[in-house]
Each structure stands twice: as C-alpha cells, then as structure tokens.
Amino acid sequence: MIKPDSWIRKMAIERGMIEPFEEKQVSDGAISFGLSSFGYDVRIADEFRVLSYVEGGIIDPKSLGKKSFTTFRSESCIIPPNSFSLARSFEYFRIPRNVIALCVGKSTYARCGILANITPLEPEWEGYITIAISNISPFPTRIYAFEGIAQVLFFECDTEPEFSYADKKGKYQAQKKITHPKL
C-alpha cells in the first residue's frame, strides 16, 4: 500500500527516515520539494558529475570511473544535449525493513527533456541517493541544486522480506557521495 503524508511525516520525524526533512511542500520560486500527499519530493545537492569523456567512445558500466566525468560544486548544472550528469540527493534516507520506495522524475524537468533515473530504495537501504539525470533534448539544459528533482513514493508491505538490502550487505549501502557503478 502506498503511504500518505501522515505516515511519511511520522517515519521521518520519529525514525529519521528522511534527513533533513521538509514537513511541507516548498515552492516559492523553486522547483518544489518536501512532503507531498503521497510522497516526498527530494532535492539534489550542489555536487555534480557531468559526463565529459568516454575512453574508446563506449560507456561501459564495468569500467565507468571518475575520469569520465567533470566534477564540480555549483548552485546549478548545465547538462549538454543528449548527455547526462550524476548527482546525489540533498536528503539522507533510511528505509524501514518492510518498505520499498520508488522514485520518479518531476514533471517540471520532464517537460524540458530532463529525466531523473533512480533505482528503487530497497528495504533497510540507507544513504544519499545517487541520481542519473539525462538531458534527452537537443539543447543544453540547466538543473538547480537544493530544488526538487524527483518524487519518492513509499510502499509498505504487511510482512518483512526474507533478506533486506542491509542483510545482503549491498554494495551501495550507506553511500555518502555520488557513487559510480560497482561490480
């Protein structure tokens, strides 16, 4: 069952599920972020890695390292046409054992050709979310730090999984920065 704002608020405040936690939707000239009816609009931090070089002209998830990216901190990031950037969430997440969270990109960016891709936040996963932000438009497009990039939807199950992400000692557990692909 998808969880409403009251459940999200309780889990964030009592169990530290989202830190920092914004208890209401904030927009005031920004792309909205914070608590919504059935989810939480997550922000991106001011650290970006923009794809700038690929050895041999092929992107390989088994060897895509930091040298393929230009890394910088800024209040915004311009993503070149038909390219992408890696960023991380501003918020730190701690997902309960009987919950899975799905993330979808915000429509404001989607209408500009910007797609945010985030894998599910599995039961007992915690960390900053690494977000792949793709520009599918033929023009450079700007994204903004400390503003909304995606909405996280929380689904609670009546039972707990046999194995959680923590039980499996997942390779992206407790990530504190933008994390590149790992084998």
C-alpha atoms as a PDB file:
ATOM      1  CA  MET A   1       0.000   0.000   0.000  1.00  0.00           C
ATOM      2  CA  ILE A   2       1.338   3.453  -0.884  1.00  0.00           C
ATOM      3  CA  LYS A   3       1.784   5.592   2.203  1.00  0.00           C
ATOM      4  CA  PRO A   4       0.214   9.030   2.772  1.00  0.00           C
ATOM      5  CA  ASP A   5       1.842  12.200   4.058  1.00  0.00           C
ATOM      6  CA  SER A   6       0.938  11.495   7.724  1.00  0.00           C
ATOM      7  CA  TRP A   7       2.831   8.160   7.679  1.00  0.00           C
ATOM      8  CA  ILE A   8       5.836   9.733   5.898  1.00  0.00           C
ATOM      9  CA  ARG A   9       5.916  12.606   8.428  1.00  0.00           C
ATOM     10  CA  LYS A  10       5.774  10.177  11.365  1.00  0.00           C
ATOM     11  CA  MET A  11       8.548   7.946   9.963  1.00  0.00           C
ATOM     12  CA  ALA A  12      10.746  10.926   9.115  1.00  0.00           C
ATOM     13  CA  ILE A  13      10.381  12.591  12.500  1.00  0.00           C
ATOM     14  CA  GLU A  14      10.307   9.544  14.797  1.00  0.00           C
ATOM     15  CA  ARG A  15      12.693   7.230  12.939  1.00  0.00           C
ATOM     16  CA  GLY A  16      14.908   9.583  10.906  1.00  0.00           C
ATOM     17  CA  MET A  17      13.749   8.099   7.596  1.00  0.00           C
ATOM     18  CA  ILE A  18      14.496  11.388   5.756  1.00  0.00           C
ATOM     19  CA  GLU A  19      17.075  13.932   6.949  1.00  0.00           C
ATOM     20  CA  PRO A  20      16.782  16.830   6.634  1.00  0.00           C
ATOM     21  CA  PHE A  21      13.010  16.615   6.384  1.00  0.00           C
ATOM     22  CA  GLU A  22      10.815  19.383   4.993  1.00  0.00           C
ATOM     23  CA  GLU A  23       7.331  18.976   6.513  1.00  0.00           C
ATOM     24  CA  LYS A  24       5.503  20.848   3.782  1.00  0.00           C
ATOM     25  CA  GLN A  25       5.756  21.360   0.045  1.00  0.00           C
ATOM     26  CA  VAL A  26       8.071  24.307  -0.665  1.00  0.00           C
ATOM     27  CA  SER A  27       7.959  26.106  -3.997  1.00  0.00           C
ATOM     28  CA  ASP A  28       8.460  29.888  -3.569  1.00  0.00           C
ATOM     29  CA  GLY A  29      10.153  30.366  -6.970  1.00  0.00           C
ATOM     30  CA  ALA A  30      11.916  26.985  -6.709  1.00  0.00           C
ATOM     31  CA  ILE A  31      11.145  23.640  -8.272  1.00  0.00           C
ATOM     32  CA  SER A  32       9.070  22.181  -5.447  1.00  0.00           C
ATOM     33  CA  PHE A  33      10.460  19.898  -2.766  1.00  0.00           C
ATOM     34  CA  GLY A  34       9.326  18.471   0.561  1.00  0.00           C
ATOM     35  CA  LEU A  35       6.370  16.446   1.772  1.00  0.00           C
ATOM     36  CA  SER A  36       3.524  15.911  -0.701  1.00  0.00           C
ATOM     37  CA  SER A  37       0.230  13.998  -0.454  1.00  0.00           C
ATOM     38  CA  PHE A  38       1.658  10.537  -1.100  1.00  0.00           C
ATOM     39  CA  GLY A  39       5.397  11.043  -1.331  1.00  0.00           C
ATOM     40  CA  TYR A  40       8.389  13.229  -0.740  1.00  0.00           C
ATOM     41  CA  ASP A  41       9.936  15.494  -3.367  1.00  0.00           C
ATOM     42  CA  VAL A  42      13.676  15.039  -2.981  1.00  0.00           C
ATOM     43  CA  ARG A  43      16.248  17.755  -3.753  1.00  0.00           C
ATOM     44  CA  ILE A  44      19.636  17.450  -5.385  1.00  0.00           C
ATOM     45  CA  ALA A  45      22.781  18.620  -3.623  1.00  0.00           C
ATOM     46  CA  ASP A  46      25.253  21.064  -5.162  1.00  0.00           C
ATOM     47  CA  GLU A  47      27.732  18.390  -6.283  1.00  0.00           C
ATOM     48  CA  PHE A  48      27.597  17.339  -9.935  1.00  0.00           C
ATOM     49  CA  ARG A  49      29.483  14.995 -12.230  1.00  0.00           C
ATOM     50  CA  VAL A  50      28.845  15.659 -15.914  1.00  0.00           C
ATOM     51  CA  LEU A  51      29.877  13.063 -18.486  1.00  0.00           C
ATOM     52  CA  SER A  52      32.802  14.585 -20.387  1.00  0.00           C
ATOM     53  CA  TYR A  53      34.996  11.765 -21.701  1.00  0.00           C
ATOM     54  CA  VAL A  54      34.498   8.117 -22.520  1.00  0.00           C
ATOM     55  CA  GLU A  55      37.546   6.012 -23.323  1.00  0.00           C
ATOM     56  CA  GLY A  56      37.068   4.316 -26.682  1.00  0.00           C
ATOM     57  CA  GLY A  57      33.723   6.075 -27.176  1.00  0.00           C
ATOM     58  CA  ILE A  58      31.767   3.350 -25.359  1.00  0.00           C
ATOM     59  CA  ILE A  59      30.110   3.697 -21.972  1.00  0.00           C
ATOM     60  CA  ASP A  60      30.827   0.506 -20.027  1.00  0.00           C
ATOM     61  CA  PRO A  61      29.135   0.012 -16.625  1.00  0.00           C
ATOM     62  CA  LYS A  62      32.013  -2.304 -15.640  1.00  0.00           C
ATOM     63  CA  SER A  63      34.614   0.449 -16.033  1.00  0.00           C
ATOM     64  CA  LEU A  64      32.886   3.821 -15.908  1.00  0.00           C
ATOM     65  CA  GLY A  65      35.046   5.743 -13.468  1.00  0.00           C
ATOM     66  CA  LYS A  66      35.522   9.259 -12.197  1.00  0.00           C
ATOM     67  CA  LYS A  67      37.878  10.134 -15.079  1.00  0.00           C
ATOM     68  CA  SER A  68      34.859  10.074 -17.426  1.00  0.00           C
ATOM     69  CA  PHE A  69      33.255  12.986 -15.568  1.00  0.00           C
ATOM     70  CA  THR A  70      33.900  16.625 -14.839  1.00  0.00           C
ATOM     71  CA  THR A  71      33.183  17.091 -11.128  1.00  0.00           C
ATOM     72  CA  PHE A  72      32.194  20.418  -9.579  1.00  0.00           C
ATOM     73  CA  ARG A  73      30.038  22.123  -6.958  1.00  0.00           C
ATOM     74  CA  SER A  74      27.612  24.824  -8.027  1.00  0.00           C
ATOM     75  CA  GLU A  75      24.110  26.191  -7.482  1.00  0.00           C
ATOM     76  CA  SER A  76      23.197  24.837 -10.920  1.00  0.00           C
ATOM     77  CA  CYS A  77      24.480  22.493 -13.594  1.00  0.00           C
ATOM     78  CA  ILE A  78      24.102  22.713 -17.350  1.00  0.00           C
ATOM     79  CA  ILE A  79      23.765  19.280 -18.905  1.00  0.00           C
ATOM     80  CA  PRO A  80      24.855  19.146 -22.559  1.00  0.00           C
ATOM     81  CA  PRO A  81      22.392  17.935 -25.203  1.00  0.00           C
ATOM     82  CA  ASN A  82      21.921  14.149 -25.281  1.00  0.00           C
ATOM     83  CA  SER A  83      24.184  13.684 -22.258  1.00  0.00           C
ATOM     84  CA  PHE A  84      23.809  13.120 -18.543  1.00  0.00           C
ATOM     85  CA  SER A  85      25.036  14.065 -15.113  1.00  0.00           C
ATOM     86  CA  LEU A  86      25.303  12.216 -11.848  1.00  0.00           C
ATOM     87  CA  ALA A  87      24.204  13.985  -8.697  1.00  0.00           C
ATOM     88  CA  ARG A  88      23.153  12.996  -5.209  1.00  0.00           C
ATOM     89  CA  SER A  89      20.162  13.757  -3.095  1.00  0.00           C
ATOM     90  CA  PHE A  90      20.361  16.507  -0.516  1.00  0.00           C
ATOM     91  CA  GLU A  91      18.395  14.276   1.859  1.00  0.00           C
ATOM     92  CA  TYR A  92      19.739  11.137   3.542  1.00  0.00           C
ATOM     93  CA  PHE A  93      17.314   8.184   3.587  1.00  0.00           C
ATOM     94  CA  ARG A  94      16.853   5.234   5.968  1.00  0.00           C
ATOM     95  CA  ILE A  95      14.276   2.841   4.532  1.00  0.00           C
ATOM     96  CA  PRO A  96      12.410   0.622   7.052  1.00  0.00           C
ATOM     97  CA  ARG A  97      12.631  -3.164   6.668  1.00  0.00           C
ATOM     98  CA  ASN A  98       9.018  -3.562   5.475  1.00  0.00           C
ATOM     99  CA  VAL A  99       9.111  -0.646   2.985  1.00  0.00           C
ATOM    100  CA  ILE A 100      10.310  -0.172  -0.584  1.00  0.00           C
ATOM    101  CA  ALA A 101      10.478   3.258  -2.179  1.00  0.00           C
ATOM    102  CA  LEU A 102      10.234   4.118  -5.860  1.00  0.00           C
ATOM    103  CA  CYS A 103      11.426   7.388  -7.357  1.00  0.00           C
ATOM    104  CA  VAL A 104      10.034   9.190 -10.380  1.00  0.00           C
ATOM    105  CA  GLY A 105      11.284  12.364 -12.019  1.00  0.00           C
ATOM    106  CA  LYS A 106       9.459  15.650 -11.566  1.00  0.00           C
ATOM    107  CA  SER A 107       7.225  16.797 -14.401  1.00  0.00           C
ATOM    108  CA  THR A 108       8.716  20.311 -14.457  1.00  0.00           C
ATOM    109  CA  TYR A 109      12.035  18.866 -15.619  1.00  0.00           C
ATOM    110  CA  ALA A 110      10.466  16.167 -17.811  1.00  0.00           C
ATOM    111  CA  ARG A 111       8.740  18.924 -19.816  1.00  0.00           C
ATOM    112  CA  CYS A 112      12.213  20.297 -20.574  1.00  0.00           C
ATOM    113  CA  GLY A 113      13.668  16.939 -21.675  1.00  0.00           C
ATOM    114  CA  ILE A 114      15.298  16.157 -18.320  1.00  0.00           C
ATOM    115  CA  LEU A 115      14.752  12.647 -16.955  1.00  0.00           C
ATOM    116  CA  ALA A 116      15.826  11.541 -13.468  1.00  0.00           C
ATOM    117  CA  ASN A 117      16.595   7.850 -13.053  1.00  0.00           C
ATOM    118  CA  ILE A 118      16.856   6.313  -9.624  1.00  0.00           C
ATOM    119  CA  THR A 119      16.672   2.640  -8.764  1.00  0.00           C
ATOM    120  CA  PRO A 120      14.268   1.523  -6.023  1.00  0.00           C
ATOM    121  CA  LEU A 121      15.257   2.231  -2.435  1.00  0.00           C
ATOM    122  CA  GLU A 122      15.174  -1.287  -1.041  1.00  0.00           C
ATOM    123  CA  PRO A 123      14.167  -2.385   2.463  1.00  0.00           C
ATOM    124  CA  GLU A 124      16.838  -1.313   5.000  1.00  0.00           C
ATOM    125  CA  TRP A 125      18.861   0.598   2.423  1.00  0.00           C
ATOM    126  CA  GLU A 126      20.259   3.871   3.684  1.00  0.00           C
ATOM    127  CA  GLY A 127      22.315   6.676   2.207  1.00  0.00           C
ATOM    128  CA  TYR A 128      22.243   9.617  -0.134  1.00  0.00           C
ATOM    129  CA  ILE A 129      20.603   8.680  -3.418  1.00  0.00           C
ATOM    130  CA  THR A 130      22.833   8.767  -6.500  1.00  0.00           C
ATOM    131  CA  ILE A 131      20.693  10.207  -9.286  1.00  0.00           C
ATOM    132  CA  ALA A 132      21.353   9.889 -13.026  1.00  0.00           C
ATOM    133  CA  ILE A 133      19.959  12.980 -14.739  1.00  0.00           C
ATOM    134  CA  SER A 134      19.629  12.686 -18.522  1.00  0.00           C
ATOM    135  CA  ASN A 135      19.116  15.510 -20.987  1.00  0.00           C
ATOM    136  CA  ILE A 136      17.258  13.999 -23.935  1.00  0.00           C
ATOM    137  CA  SER A 137      16.702  17.394 -25.559  1.00  0.00           C
ATOM    138  CA  PRO A 138      18.873  18.757 -28.403  1.00  0.00           C
ATOM    139  CA  PHE A 139      19.766  21.797 -26.247  1.00  0.00           C
ATOM    140  CA  PRO A 140      21.837  22.377 -23.102  1.00  0.00           C
ATOM    141  CA  THR A 141      19.524  22.319 -20.084  1.00  0.00           C
ATOM    142  CA  ARG A 142      20.023  23.707 -16.580  1.00  0.00           C
ATOM    143  CA  ILE A 143      19.161  21.895 -13.343  1.00  0.00           C
ATOM    144  CA  TYR A 144      19.197  23.539  -9.917  1.00  0.00           C
ATOM    145  CA  ALA A 145      20.822  22.442  -6.665  1.00  0.00           C
ATOM    146  CA  PHE A 146      18.711  22.427  -3.497  1.00  0.00           C
ATOM    147  CA  GLU A 147      15.494  22.201  -5.528  1.00  0.00           C
ATOM    148  CA  GLY A 148      13.232  19.256  -6.340  1.00  0.00           C
ATOM    149  CA  ILE A 149      14.402  16.662  -8.872  1.00  0.00           C
ATOM    150  CA  ALA A 150      12.243  13.580  -8.172  1.00  0.00           C
ATOM    151  CA  GLN A 151       9.401  12.292  -6.037  1.00  0.00           C
ATOM    152  CA  VAL A 152       9.909   9.320  -3.725  1.00  0.00           C
ATOM    153  CA  LEU A 153       6.856   7.105  -3.192  1.00  0.00           C
ATOM    154  CA  PHE A 154       6.849   4.748  -0.192  1.00  0.00           C
ATOM    155  CA  PHE A 155       5.158   1.322  -0.273  1.00  0.00           C
ATOM    156  CA  GLU A 156       4.679  -0.600   2.970  1.00  0.00           C
ATOM    157  CA  CYS A 157       4.257  -4.356   2.980  1.00  0.00           C
ATOM    158  CA  ASP A 158       2.322  -6.363   5.588  1.00  0.00           C
ATOM    159  CA  THR A 159       5.305  -8.675   6.032  1.00  0.00           C
ATOM    160  CA  GLU A 160       9.062  -8.231   6.031  1.00  0.00           C
ATOM    161  CA  PRO A 161      11.281  -9.582   3.256  1.00  0.00           C
ATOM    162  CA  GLU A 162      13.407 -12.658   3.888  1.00  0.00           C
ATOM    163  CA  PHE A 163      16.524 -10.622   3.044  1.00  0.00           C
ATOM    164  CA  SER A 164      16.870  -6.853   3.207  1.00  0.00           C
ATOM    165  CA  TYR A 165      19.487  -4.713   1.476  1.00  0.00           C
ATOM    166  CA  ALA A 166      21.378  -4.496   4.782  1.00  0.00           C
ATOM    167  CA  ASP A 167      21.223  -8.293   5.216  1.00  0.00           C
ATOM    168  CA  LYS A 168      22.769  -8.715   1.746  1.00  0.00           C
ATOM    169  CA  LYS A 169      25.451  -6.150   2.620  1.00  0.00           C
ATOM    170  CA  GLY A 170      24.545  -4.267  -0.560  1.00  0.00           C
ATOM    171  CA  LYS A 171      27.393  -2.502  -2.336  1.00  0.00           C
ATOM    172  CA  TYR A 172      25.674   0.898  -2.247  1.00  0.00           C
ATOM    173  CA  GLN A 173      24.743   0.771   1.450  1.00  0.00           C
ATOM    174  CA  ALA A 174      25.315   3.997   3.434  1.00  0.00           C
ATOM    175  CA  GLN A 175      26.766   5.881   0.458  1.00  0.00           C
ATOM    176  CA  LYS A 176      27.783   9.399   1.426  1.00  0.00           C
ATOM    177  CA  LYS A 177      28.603  10.790  -2.028  1.00  0.00           C
ATOM    178  CA  ILE A 178      27.871  10.321  -5.699  1.00  0.00           C
ATOM    179  CA  THR A 179      28.700   6.676  -6.311  1.00  0.00           C
ATOM    180  CA  HIS A 180      29.787   5.253  -9.669  1.00  0.00           C
ATOM    181  CA  PRO A 181      28.813   1.741 -10.843  1.00  0.00           C
ATOM    182  CA  LYS A 182      30.287  -1.082  -8.763  1.00  0.00           C
ATOM    183  CA  LEU A 183      30.600  -4.785  -9.550  1.00  0.00           C
END
